[in-house]
Amino acid sequence: MTALPPLISLQSVSRTYRADGVAVTAVRNVSFDIERGEIVAVMGPSGSGKSTLMNMIGLLDLPSEGALYLEGADVADLSEDHRSSLRARSIGFVFQSYNLLARHNAIENVALPLVYCGISRKERLVRAEQSLEAVGMVHRAHHFPRQLSGGEQQRVAIARALIASPLIVLADEPTGALDSRTGAEILALFAALNRTGQTIVMITHDPGIATQCRRTIRLHDGELVADETLVPILPKRNAAP
């Protein structure tokens, strides 16, 4: 049986921008794979290239050099329309600021991504309710963002990210606007989703998030400086009688 390619593969990826006529390399010669079912923290200080890396993994931007593959396909070979369609179906985004629409209630916010997939309103709402149930928020389906706490808004944002059954969820500082207790609850939710097989990548500068992930990729000045996998501690066997 032929082995499946990595879900995401970066091969010698660099991204250079021009600012006031000066070339600035935000990501430099980065290579790593992300397999299906992984939960990964991408860490680094401000300016380390985390957001640029997230934009490329999320198909919002393309490498200046090197190649990025999604399920074995070089995304640079795809048209802009194809990448947009693929992004809508395959990538779920969660942001620090929630990005919920104030004039729409929770279930409408969650259903919104399906508008662009040609799915009927009735089916969108059914699937949005299921997604809210998955994050423990179905009882708040008809509340507006202003009526929800920060943690509840983030749960709604996670439900929105899950609505299209994405291959990967990208979370950018998902606990940055939350207190420590609520942040821990959101991290526990991500861990529970990962146990169901959901692939999750969290962009962060918070070491506490990294401890909740089985793998941590560290960036500094745009370069990959560490790729660490947490080896689970096996329970001790009982001594023979």
Foldseek 3Di string as FASTA:
>chain_A
DDDWDFQKWWAQFWAWDADPNDIAIQAGGDTDGHHFLFEEEEAEDPSQNLVVVVCCVLLVDATPDTFMDGRRHTCVVDDPVVSVVLSLQAEFEAEQVLPFDQVAFLLCSLLVSCVVVPDDPVVSSVLSLVLCVLLPRNVRRRPGPVVDDSLNSRSSSVSSSPSSVHSEYEYEPNCVVDDPVSSVSVLVSVLVVSVVGHHYYYYDNDVVSRVSGQWYFYGGNNYTDDIDGHDDDDDDDDDDD
